[in-house]
Amino acid sequence: MKETAVEWLSDHLVNEMNFDYWKAIDKAKEMEREQMIYIIKTYHNNLFYLPLSENGEADRILDLILTKQIKPKL
């Protein structure tokens, strides 16, 4: 798997002299979202015989999780 958003941000904070903080935060958030979608797809595709399609199903599931419309059953 690619580097995590935290690893990417950490590397850029240490290595960049002309660092744009807000641009880096937005990039790290985007990377984090991509990683969460990857986790959802991997989990779903290993659990069910029918994989998620590439037309945004995982994005919609993530949005439901983040807006707390899907709640954990704990």
Protein backbone atom coordinates (compact mmCIF):
# COMPACT_ATOMS: atom_id res chain seq x y z
CA MET A 1 0.00 0.00 0.00
CA LYS A 2 1.11 3.55 -0.62
CA GLU A 3 2.29 5.74 2.20
CA THR A 4 -0.39 6.96 4.57
CA ALA A 5 -1.64 10.52 4.69
CA VAL A 6 0.14 11.03 8.02
CA GLU A 7 3.45 9.73 6.60
CA TRP A 8 3.10 11.98 3.55
CA LEU A 9 2.33 15.04 5.68
CA SER A 10 5.18 14.28 8.06
CA ASP A 11 7.66 13.92 5.19
CA HIS A 12 6.56 17.21 3.69
CA LEU A 13 6.68 19.06 6.99
CA VAL A 14 10.28 17.94 7.51
CA ASN A 15 11.61 18.17 3.94
CA GLU A 16 9.98 21.24 2.39
CA MET A 17 11.28 24.76 2.88
CA ASN A 18 8.46 26.51 0.97
CA PHE A 19 5.67 24.52 2.55
CA ASP A 20 2.03 25.49 1.94
CA TYR A 21 0.34 24.29 5.14
CA TRP A 22 -3.30 24.46 3.98
CA LYS A 23 -2.57 22.81 0.65
CA ALA A 24 -0.79 19.98 2.48
CA ILE A 25 -3.68 19.54 4.92
CA ASP A 26 -6.14 19.29 2.01
CA LYS A 27 -3.91 16.74 0.26
CA ALA A 28 -3.60 14.68 3.46
CA LYS A 29 -7.41 14.70 3.88
CA GLU A 30 -7.83 13.57 0.27
CA MET A 31 -5.31 10.76 0.80
CA GLU A 32 -7.09 9.71 4.01
CA ARG A 33 -10.42 9.53 2.16
CA GLU A 34 -8.84 7.41 -0.60
CA GLN A 35 -7.45 5.05 2.04
CA MET A 36 -10.83 4.72 3.76
CA ILE A 37 -12.47 3.93 0.41
CA TYR A 38 -9.77 1.32 -0.24
CA ILE A 39 -10.55 -0.28 3.16
CA ILE A 40 -14.30 -0.33 2.44
CA LYS A 41 -13.78 -1.90 -1.00
CA THR A 42 -11.34 -4.49 0.30
CA TYR A 43 -13.58 -5.44 3.22
CA HIS A 44 -16.71 -5.66 1.07
CA ASN A 45 -15.06 -7.54 -1.79
CA ASN A 46 -13.59 -10.12 0.60
CA LEU A 47 -16.87 -10.55 2.46
CA PHE A 48 -19.25 -10.87 -0.50
CA TYR A 49 -19.00 -12.62 -3.85
CA LEU A 50 -20.25 -9.50 -5.65
CA PRO A 51 -17.60 -6.74 -5.61
CA LEU A 52 -18.45 -3.06 -5.31
CA SER A 53 -18.62 -1.38 -8.69
CA GLU A 54 -16.34 1.47 -9.66
CA ASN A 55 -19.21 3.96 -10.02
CA GLY A 56 -18.95 5.47 -6.55
CA GLU A 57 -20.63 2.90 -4.32
CA ALA A 58 -17.74 2.95 -1.84
CA ASP A 59 -17.82 6.77 -1.84
CA ARG A 60 -21.51 6.74 -0.91
CA ILE A 61 -20.91 4.18 1.85
CA LEU A 62 -18.08 6.34 3.26
CA ASP A 63 -20.30 9.44 3.17
CA LEU A 64 -22.99 7.56 5.13
CA ILE A 65 -20.42 6.47 7.70
CA LEU A 66 -18.92 9.97 8.07
CA THR A 67 -22.34 11.62 8.42
CA LYS A 68 -23.27 8.96 11.02
CA GLN A 69 -26.23 7.70 8.96
CA ILE A 70 -24.68 4.24 9.29
CA LYS A 71 -23.98 3.51 12.95
CA PRO A 72 -21.90 0.71 14.42
CA LYS A 73 -23.83 -2.07 16.12
CA LEU A 74 -21.83 -2.09 19.35
